[in-house]
Amino acid sequence: MTRAKSVIIATGGARRLHIAGFPASSHYGATMDDVVMGYRVEANMVHLDTFQFHSTDVVFSEAIRGELITEKYRSLGAQLVDVNGEQFIHQLETRDVVSSAIIKECAEGRGIVTPTGAMGVWLDISMIDMLRGPGTIKRALPAMYCQFIRHGIDITQEAVLTYLILHYQNGGIEIDVFSRVMSLNRELILRLMAAGEVGGGVHGRNRLMGNSLAGILVFGRRAGMMAAKNGEKGGNKA
């Protein structure tokens, strides 16, 4: 007896479409293939207009452009400053607020242009050592220190150039609590699951930091469990 086959869509979002011309933090295959596949089988889509930006991305050196600078740096004391060295936003504001402030600074002529023509503002990471004592950066942030020092930038002494980056697709293919795909008429599409960034409705219109793990560890596991159950029973029942 032939077992019913299941399909799990987990292709990772649409960020490499570079919406509005922004750089993206995802792999090169994240080109909205998941949404197209769902559309072709009449899956229901939710919140496709919502994408999240990460506030601080490496803009220079060009060799490491696109690397994220996590909120940890700003929580330790790194400060965002404009071309005049003036702080323009509190470093602990939310991603949306910080991203908007950076866009405004650059749009109003207070940003910095890199040798390759990219725009950014300064992130003064050296403030961490000033606030928390010499050696804190090397002790608490060794990977980023080593990454920059290889390109001739000492973050214990120099500010780095940063700008926001397209970071997460909030919406996508609507799924239920078992990762099963919902159709346009709100019925289950048999033996079709979705997990990861493509799973729409998990985060609403804006994801909280760290909650991408839910798409992988929770809904990814549930999708796998449903696929295994379908193979055993040939159905798509909870």
C-alpha atoms as a PDB file:
ATOM      1  CA  MET A   1       0.000   0.000   0.000  1.00  0.00           C
ATOM      2  CA  THR A   2       1.370   3.392  -1.069  1.00  0.00           C
ATOM      3  CA  ARG A   3       1.631   5.928   1.715  1.00  0.00           C
ATOM      4  CA  ALA A   4       0.273   9.437   1.174  1.00  0.00           C
ATOM      5  CA  LYS A   5       3.060  11.955   0.637  1.00  0.00           C
ATOM      6  CA  SER A   6       3.318  15.264   2.464  1.00  0.00           C
ATOM      7  CA  VAL A   7       5.028  18.495   1.501  1.00  0.00           C
ATOM      8  CA  ILE A   8       6.558  21.008   3.917  1.00  0.00           C
ATOM      9  CA  ILE A   9       7.249  24.494   2.571  1.00  0.00           C
ATOM     10  CA  ALA A  10      10.224  26.024   4.401  1.00  0.00           C
ATOM     11  CA  THR A  11      12.089  28.169   1.892  1.00  0.00           C
ATOM     12  CA  GLY A  12      12.833  31.154   4.123  1.00  0.00           C
ATOM     13  CA  GLY A  13      10.898  34.227   3.098  1.00  0.00           C
ATOM     14  CA  ALA A  14      11.250  36.939   0.456  1.00  0.00           C
ATOM     15  CA  ARG A  15      13.969  39.259   1.693  1.00  0.00           C
ATOM     16  CA  ARG A  16      16.288  38.762  -1.291  1.00  0.00           C
ATOM     17  CA  LEU A  17      13.783  40.622  -3.441  1.00  0.00           C
ATOM     18  CA  HIS A  18      15.395  43.695  -1.796  1.00  0.00           C
ATOM     19  CA  ILE A  19      12.093  45.424  -1.230  1.00  0.00           C
ATOM     20  CA  ALA A  20      12.383  49.235  -1.590  1.00  0.00           C
ATOM     21  CA  GLY A  21      16.050  48.701  -2.488  1.00  0.00           C
ATOM     22  CA  PHE A  22      17.168  47.700   1.008  1.00  0.00           C
ATOM     23  CA  PRO A  23      19.956  45.167   1.590  1.00  0.00           C
ATOM     24  CA  ALA A  24      18.867  41.861   3.120  1.00  0.00           C
ATOM     25  CA  SER A  25      20.252  39.610   5.828  1.00  0.00           C
ATOM     26  CA  SER A  26      18.937  36.325   4.413  1.00  0.00           C
ATOM     27  CA  HIS A  27      20.394  33.658   2.132  1.00  0.00           C
ATOM     28  CA  TYR A  28      20.301  34.215  -1.622  1.00  0.00           C
ATOM     29  CA  GLY A  29      17.478  31.720  -2.123  1.00  0.00           C
ATOM     30  CA  ALA A  30      14.923  33.764  -0.148  1.00  0.00           C
ATOM     31  CA  THR A  31      13.092  35.068  -3.220  1.00  0.00           C
ATOM     32  CA  MET A  32       9.425  34.521  -2.324  1.00  0.00           C
ATOM     33  CA  ASP A  33       9.206  31.102  -3.970  1.00  0.00           C
ATOM     34  CA  ASP A  34       7.263  29.900  -0.938  1.00  0.00           C
ATOM     35  CA  VAL A  35       4.493  32.451  -1.388  1.00  0.00           C
ATOM     36  CA  VAL A  36       4.301  31.699  -5.116  1.00  0.00           C
ATOM     37  CA  MET A  37       3.942  27.978  -4.421  1.00  0.00           C
ATOM     38  CA  GLY A  38       1.220  28.680  -1.877  1.00  0.00           C
ATOM     39  CA  TYR A  39      -0.570  31.014  -4.268  1.00  0.00           C
ATOM     40  CA  ARG A  40      -0.649  28.346  -6.978  1.00  0.00           C
ATOM     41  CA  VAL A  41      -2.480  25.902  -4.704  1.00  0.00           C
ATOM     42  CA  GLU A  42      -4.829  28.640  -3.441  1.00  0.00           C
ATOM     43  CA  ALA A  43      -3.373  28.891   0.044  1.00  0.00           C
ATOM     44  CA  ASN A  44      -4.513  31.849   2.106  1.00  0.00           C
ATOM     45  CA  MET A  45      -1.970  34.612   2.710  1.00  0.00           C
ATOM     46  CA  VAL A  46      -1.749  36.922   5.715  1.00  0.00           C
ATOM     47  CA  HIS A  47       0.196  40.133   6.423  1.00  0.00           C
ATOM     48  CA  LEU A  48       2.225  40.001   3.198  1.00  0.00           C
ATOM     49  CA  ASP A  49       2.733  43.763   3.412  1.00  0.00           C
ATOM     50  CA  THR A  50       4.728  43.561   6.646  1.00  0.00           C
ATOM     51  CA  PHE A  51       8.491  43.177   6.773  1.00  0.00           C
ATOM     52  CA  GLN A  52      10.790  43.830   9.700  1.00  0.00           C
ATOM     53  CA  PHE A  53      14.030  45.784   9.499  1.00  0.00           C
ATOM     54  CA  HIS A  54      17.008  45.254  11.754  1.00  0.00           C
ATOM     55  CA  SER A  55      18.297  48.643  12.868  1.00  0.00           C
ATOM     56  CA  THR A  56      22.041  48.062  12.767  1.00  0.00           C
ATOM     57  CA  ASP A  57      23.857  46.319   9.931  1.00  0.00           C
ATOM     58  CA  VAL A  58      27.525  46.607   9.013  1.00  0.00           C
ATOM     59  CA  VAL A  59      27.871  49.066   6.102  1.00  0.00           C
ATOM     60  CA  PHE A  60      31.672  49.293   6.002  1.00  0.00           C
ATOM     61  CA  SER A  61      34.070  47.538   5.461  1.00  0.00           C
ATOM     62  CA  GLU A  62      32.482  46.316   2.225  1.00  0.00           C
ATOM     63  CA  ALA A  63      33.824  42.796   2.814  1.00  0.00           C
ATOM     64  CA  ILE A  64      31.558  42.330   5.839  1.00  0.00           C
ATOM     65  CA  ARG A  65      28.661  44.468   4.680  1.00  0.00           C
ATOM     66  CA  GLY A  66      25.390  42.773   5.602  1.00  0.00           C
ATOM     67  CA  GLU A  67      26.558  41.350   8.937  1.00  0.00           C
ATOM     68  CA  LEU A  68      24.126  42.139  11.739  1.00  0.00           C
ATOM     69  CA  ILE A  69      25.150  44.099  14.816  1.00  0.00           C
ATOM     70  CA  THR A  70      22.737  42.811  17.440  1.00  0.00           C
ATOM     71  CA  GLU A  71      20.888  44.858  20.041  1.00  0.00           C
ATOM     72  CA  LYS A  72      23.351  43.529  22.609  1.00  0.00           C
ATOM     73  CA  TYR A  73      25.827  46.210  21.591  1.00  0.00           C
ATOM     74  CA  ARG A  74      23.402  49.031  22.231  1.00  0.00           C
ATOM     75  CA  SER A  75      22.230  47.423  25.465  1.00  0.00           C
ATOM     76  CA  LEU A  76      25.844  47.465  26.669  1.00  0.00           C
ATOM     77  CA  GLY A  77      26.187  51.154  25.851  1.00  0.00           C
ATOM     78  CA  ALA A  78      27.041  51.568  22.153  1.00  0.00           C
ATOM     79  CA  GLN A  79      25.491  54.811  20.909  1.00  0.00           C
ATOM     80  CA  LEU A  80      24.210  55.918  17.509  1.00  0.00           C
ATOM     81  CA  VAL A  81      25.547  59.297  16.416  1.00  0.00           C
ATOM     82  CA  ASP A  82      25.319  61.376  13.242  1.00  0.00           C
ATOM     83  CA  VAL A  83      28.015  62.895  11.028  1.00  0.00           C
ATOM     84  CA  ASN A  84      28.535  65.613  13.653  1.00  0.00           C
ATOM     85  CA  GLY A  85      29.075  63.096  16.438  1.00  0.00           C
ATOM     86  CA  GLU A  86      25.738  63.952  18.061  1.00  0.00           C
ATOM     87  CA  GLN A  87      23.513  61.250  19.531  1.00  0.00           C
ATOM     88  CA  PHE A  88      20.137  61.403  17.751  1.00  0.00           C
ATOM     89  CA  ILE A  89      18.218  58.519  19.355  1.00  0.00           C
ATOM     90  CA  HIS A  90      18.300  56.671  22.676  1.00  0.00           C
ATOM     91  CA  GLN A  91      20.134  53.403  22.072  1.00  0.00           C
ATOM     92  CA  LEU A  92      17.469  51.295  23.819  1.00  0.00           C
ATOM     93  CA  GLU A  93      14.528  52.344  21.677  1.00  0.00           C
ATOM     94  CA  THR A  94      12.728  49.606  19.714  1.00  0.00           C
ATOM     95  CA  ARG A  95      13.874  48.463  16.277  1.00  0.00           C
ATOM     96  CA  ASP A  96      11.116  50.341  14.477  1.00  0.00           C
ATOM     97  CA  VAL A  97      11.881  53.621  16.232  1.00  0.00           C
ATOM     98  CA  VAL A  98      15.653  53.302  15.767  1.00  0.00           C
ATOM     99  CA  SER A  99      15.286  52.340  12.100  1.00  0.00           C
ATOM    100  CA  SER A 100      13.035  55.332  11.417  1.00  0.00           C
ATOM    101  CA  ALA A 101      15.476  57.661  13.163  1.00  0.00           C
ATOM    102  CA  ILE A 102      18.415  56.384  11.079  1.00  0.00           C
ATOM    103  CA  ILE A 103      16.467  56.847   7.836  1.00  0.00           C
ATOM    104  CA  LYS A 104      15.582  60.403   8.882  1.00  0.00           C
ATOM    105  CA  GLU A 105      19.197  61.306   9.745  1.00  0.00           C
ATOM    106  CA  CYS A 106      20.439  60.098   6.376  1.00  0.00           C
ATOM    107  CA  ALA A 107      17.562  61.689   4.451  1.00  0.00           C
ATOM    108  CA  GLU A 108      18.216  65.064   6.086  1.00  0.00           C
ATOM    109  CA  GLY A 109      21.931  65.057   5.301  1.00  0.00           C
ATOM    110  CA  ARG A 110      23.350  63.983   8.651  1.00  0.00           C
ATOM    111  CA  GLY A 111      24.483  60.550   7.489  1.00  0.00           C
ATOM    112  CA  ILE A 112      27.861  59.393   6.217  1.00  0.00           C
ATOM    113  CA  VAL A 113      28.581  58.087   2.710  1.00  0.00           C
ATOM    114  CA  THR A 114      30.988  55.151   2.453  1.00  0.00           C
ATOM    115  CA  PRO A 115      33.656  54.905  -0.302  1.00  0.00           C
ATOM    116  CA  THR A 116      31.302  52.576  -2.220  1.00  0.00           C
ATOM    117  CA  GLY A 117      28.373  54.991  -2.040  1.00  0.00           C
ATOM    118  CA  ALA A 118      26.379  53.361   0.769  1.00  0.00           C
ATOM    119  CA  MET A 119      24.758  55.560   3.408  1.00  0.00           C
ATOM    120  CA  GLY A 120      24.955  55.085   7.155  1.00  0.00           C
ATOM    121  CA  VAL A 121      25.427  56.611  10.592  1.00  0.00           C
ATOM    122  CA  TRP A 122      28.048  55.987  13.246  1.00  0.00           C
ATOM    123  CA  LEU A 123      27.616  53.336  15.920  1.00  0.00           C
ATOM    124  CA  ASP A 124      30.111  54.196  18.633  1.00  0.00           C
ATOM    125  CA  ILE A 125      30.876  50.785  20.149  1.00  0.00           C
ATOM    126  CA  SER A 126      33.916  52.200  21.977  1.00  0.00           C
ATOM    127  CA  MET A 127      31.461  53.767  24.439  1.00  0.00           C
ATOM    128  CA  ILE A 128      31.040  50.299  25.966  1.00  0.00           C
ATOM    129  CA  ASP A 129      34.591  50.307  27.325  1.00  0.00           C
ATOM    130  CA  MET A 130      34.172  53.892  28.531  1.00  0.00           C
ATOM    131  CA  LEU A 131      30.987  53.023  30.430  1.00  0.00           C
ATOM    132  CA  ARG A 132      31.819  49.503  31.638  1.00  0.00           C
ATOM    133  CA  GLY A 133      35.575  49.537  31.894  1.00  0.00           C
ATOM    134  CA  PRO A 134      38.493  48.769  29.544  1.00  0.00           C
ATOM    135  CA  GLY A 135      38.433  45.260  28.121  1.00  0.00           C
ATOM    136  CA  THR A 136      34.645  44.847  28.172  1.00  0.00           C
ATOM    137  CA  ILE A 137      34.345  44.815  24.382  1.00  0.00           C
ATOM    138  CA  LYS A 138      36.989  42.122  23.895  1.00  0.00           C
ATOM    139  CA  ARG A 139      35.533  40.072  26.726  1.00  0.00           C
ATOM    140  CA  ALA A 140      31.827  40.417  25.935  1.00  0.00           C
ATOM    141  CA  LEU A 141      31.952  40.810  22.133  1.00  0.00           C
ATOM    142  CA  PRO A 142      35.009  38.847  20.946  1.00  0.00           C
ATOM    143  CA  ALA A 143      33.564  37.671  17.617  1.00  0.00           C
ATOM    144  CA  MET A 144      32.664  41.150  16.385  1.00  0.00           C
ATOM    145  CA  TYR A 145      35.958  42.559  17.641  1.00  0.00           C
ATOM    146  CA  CYS A 146      37.911  39.935  15.668  1.00  0.00           C
ATOM    147  CA  GLN A 147      35.713  40.405  12.612  1.00  0.00           C
ATOM    148  CA  PHE A 148      36.365  44.140  12.446  1.00  0.00           C
ATOM    149  CA  ILE A 149      40.045  44.000  13.402  1.00  0.00           C
ATOM    150  CA  ARG A 150      40.711  41.729  10.397  1.00  0.00           C
ATOM    151  CA  HIS A 151      39.589  44.633   8.227  1.00  0.00           C
ATOM    152  CA  GLY A 152      41.612  47.262  10.016  1.00  0.00           C
ATOM    153  CA  ILE A 153      38.878  48.639  12.266  1.00  0.00           C
ATOM    154  CA  ASP A 154      39.433  48.598  16.037  1.00  0.00           C
ATOM    155  CA  ILE A 155      35.978  48.887  17.592  1.00  0.00           C
ATOM    156  CA  THR A 156      37.529  49.629  20.987  1.00  0.00           C
ATOM    157  CA  GLN A 157      38.808  52.893  19.521  1.00  0.00           C
ATOM    158  CA  GLU A 158      36.677  53.671  16.458  1.00  0.00           C
ATOM    159  CA  ALA A 159      33.004  54.012  15.610  1.00  0.00           C
ATOM    160  CA  VAL A 160      31.624  51.813  12.837  1.00  0.00           C
ATOM    161  CA  LEU A 161      29.221  52.661  10.043  1.00  0.00           C
ATOM    162  CA  THR A 162      25.770  51.131  10.243  1.00  0.00           C
ATOM    163  CA  TYR A 163      22.401  51.235   8.506  1.00  0.00           C
ATOM    164  CA  LEU A 164      19.211  49.227   8.710  1.00  0.00           C
ATOM    165  CA  ILE A 165      18.691  45.994   6.787  1.00  0.00           C
ATOM    166  CA  LEU A 166      15.659  44.001   5.631  1.00  0.00           C
ATOM    167  CA  HIS A 167      15.571  41.257   8.219  1.00  0.00           C
ATOM    168  CA  TYR A 168      12.324  39.281   8.476  1.00  0.00           C
ATOM    169  CA  GLN A 169       9.137  38.528   6.552  1.00  0.00           C
ATOM    170  CA  ASN A 170       6.370  38.785   9.152  1.00  0.00           C
ATOM    171  CA  GLY A 171       3.566  37.515   6.938  1.00  0.00           C
ATOM    172  CA  GLY A 172       3.226  34.545   4.631  1.00  0.00           C
ATOM    173  CA  ILE A 173       1.176  31.413   4.090  1.00  0.00           C
ATOM    174  CA  GLU A 174      -1.502  31.056   6.755  1.00  0.00           C
ATOM    175  CA  ILE A 175      -1.035  27.975   8.927  1.00  0.00           C
ATOM    176  CA  ASP A 176      -2.936  26.513  11.858  1.00  0.00           C
ATOM    177  CA  VAL A 177      -1.429  25.470  15.207  1.00  0.00           C
ATOM    178  CA  PHE A 178      -0.218  22.200  13.649  1.00  0.00           C
ATOM    179  CA  SER A 179       1.576  24.006  10.774  1.00  0.00           C
ATOM    180  CA  ARG A 180      -1.048  22.850   8.282  1.00  0.00           C
ATOM    181  CA  VAL A 181      -1.714  25.247   5.396  1.00  0.00           C
ATOM    182  CA  MET A 182      -5.083  26.985   5.195  1.00  0.00           C
ATOM    183  CA  SER A 183      -6.848  27.512   1.870  1.00  0.00           C
ATOM    184  CA  LEU A 184      -8.630  30.653   0.635  1.00  0.00           C
ATOM    185  CA  ASN A 185     -11.918  29.295   1.950  1.00  0.00           C
ATOM    186  CA  ARG A 186     -10.275  28.629   5.337  1.00  0.00           C
ATOM    187  CA  GLU A 187     -10.134  24.868   4.960  1.00  0.00           C
ATOM    188  CA  LEU A 188      -7.029  22.706   5.301  1.00  0.00           C
ATOM    189  CA  ILE A 189      -5.056  21.868   2.174  1.00  0.00           C
ATOM    190  CA  LEU A 190      -4.437  18.148   2.527  1.00  0.00           C
ATOM    191  CA  ARG A 191      -0.893  17.016   3.330  1.00  0.00           C
ATOM    192  CA  LEU A 192       0.620  20.510   2.920  1.00  0.00           C
ATOM    193  CA  MET A 193       2.484  22.158   5.801  1.00  0.00           C
ATOM    194  CA  ALA A 194       4.601  25.288   6.123  1.00  0.00           C
ATOM    195  CA  ALA A 195       7.190  26.276   8.724  1.00  0.00           C
ATOM    196  CA  GLY A 196       9.790  28.915   9.418  1.00  0.00           C
ATOM    197  CA  GLU A 197       9.680  32.421   8.008  1.00  0.00           C
ATOM    198  CA  VAL A 198       7.019  31.548   5.447  1.00  0.00           C
ATOM    199  CA  GLY A 199       4.492  30.660   8.158  1.00  0.00           C
ATOM    200  CA  GLY A 200       2.099  33.607   8.274  1.00  0.00           C
ATOM    201  CA  GLY A 201       0.149  34.595  11.368  1.00  0.00           C
ATOM    202  CA  VAL A 202       2.688  33.310  13.887  1.00  0.00           C
ATOM    203  CA  HIS A 203       4.006  36.784  14.736  1.00  0.00           C
ATOM    204  CA  GLY A 204       1.097  38.971  13.695  1.00  0.00           C
ATOM    205  CA  ARG A 205       2.265  42.099  11.886  1.00  0.00           C
ATOM    206  CA  ASN A 206       5.545  42.520  13.792  1.00  0.00           C
ATOM    207  CA  ARG A 207       7.838  39.858  15.227  1.00  0.00           C
ATOM    208  CA  LEU A 208       9.364  40.194  18.668  1.00  0.00           C
ATOM    209  CA  MET A 209      13.118  39.678  18.840  1.00  0.00           C
ATOM    210  CA  GLY A 210      14.008  36.006  19.233  1.00  0.00           C
ATOM    211  CA  ASN A 211      10.584  34.728  18.209  1.00  0.00           C
ATOM    212  CA  SER A 212      11.867  33.429  14.888  1.00  0.00           C
ATOM    213  CA  LEU A 213      12.870  30.384  16.929  1.00  0.00           C
ATOM    214  CA  ALA A 214       9.170  29.592  17.285  1.00  0.00           C
ATOM    215  CA  GLY A 215       8.919  29.103  13.535  1.00  0.00           C
ATOM    216  CA  ILE A 216      11.816  26.638  13.572  1.00  0.00           C
ATOM    217  CA  LEU A 217      11.647  24.816  16.865  1.00  0.00           C
ATOM    218  CA  VAL A 218       7.876  24.806  17.421  1.00  0.00           C
ATOM    219  CA  PHE A 219       6.174  24.931  14.027  1.00  0.00           C
ATOM    220  CA  GLY A 220       9.021  23.179  12.247  1.00  0.00           C
ATOM    221  CA  ARG A 221       8.704  20.274  14.658  1.00  0.00           C
ATOM    222  CA  ARG A 222       4.942  20.218  14.323  1.00  0.00           C
ATOM    223  CA  ALA A 223       5.200  20.225  10.523  1.00  0.00           C
ATOM    224  CA  GLY A 224       7.528  17.241  10.703  1.00  0.00           C
ATOM    225  CA  MET A 225       5.213  15.422  13.091  1.00  0.00           C
ATOM    226  CA  MET A 226       2.225  16.033  10.816  1.00  0.00           C
ATOM    227  CA  ALA A 227       4.157  14.813   7.771  1.00  0.00           C
ATOM    228  CA  ALA A 228       5.118  11.631   9.639  1.00  0.00           C
ATOM    229  CA  LYS A 229       1.535  11.098  10.766  1.00  0.00           C
ATOM    230  CA  ASN A 230       0.275  11.583   7.213  1.00  0.00           C
ATOM    231  CA  GLY A 231       2.723   8.955   6.000  1.00  0.00           C
ATOM    232  CA  GLU A 232       1.461   6.485   8.566  1.00  0.00           C
ATOM    233  CA  LYS A 233      -2.268   7.124   8.160  1.00  0.00           C
ATOM    234  CA  GLY A 234      -2.530   8.720   4.732  1.00  0.00           C
ATOM    235  CA  GLY A 235      -4.502  11.682   6.016  1.00  0.00           C
ATOM    236  CA  ASN A 236      -4.162  15.199   7.296  1.00  0.00           C
ATOM    237  CA  LYS A 237      -5.916  15.014  10.626  1.00  0.00           C
ATOM    238  CA  ALA A 238      -4.719  16.342  13.981  1.00  0.00           C
END
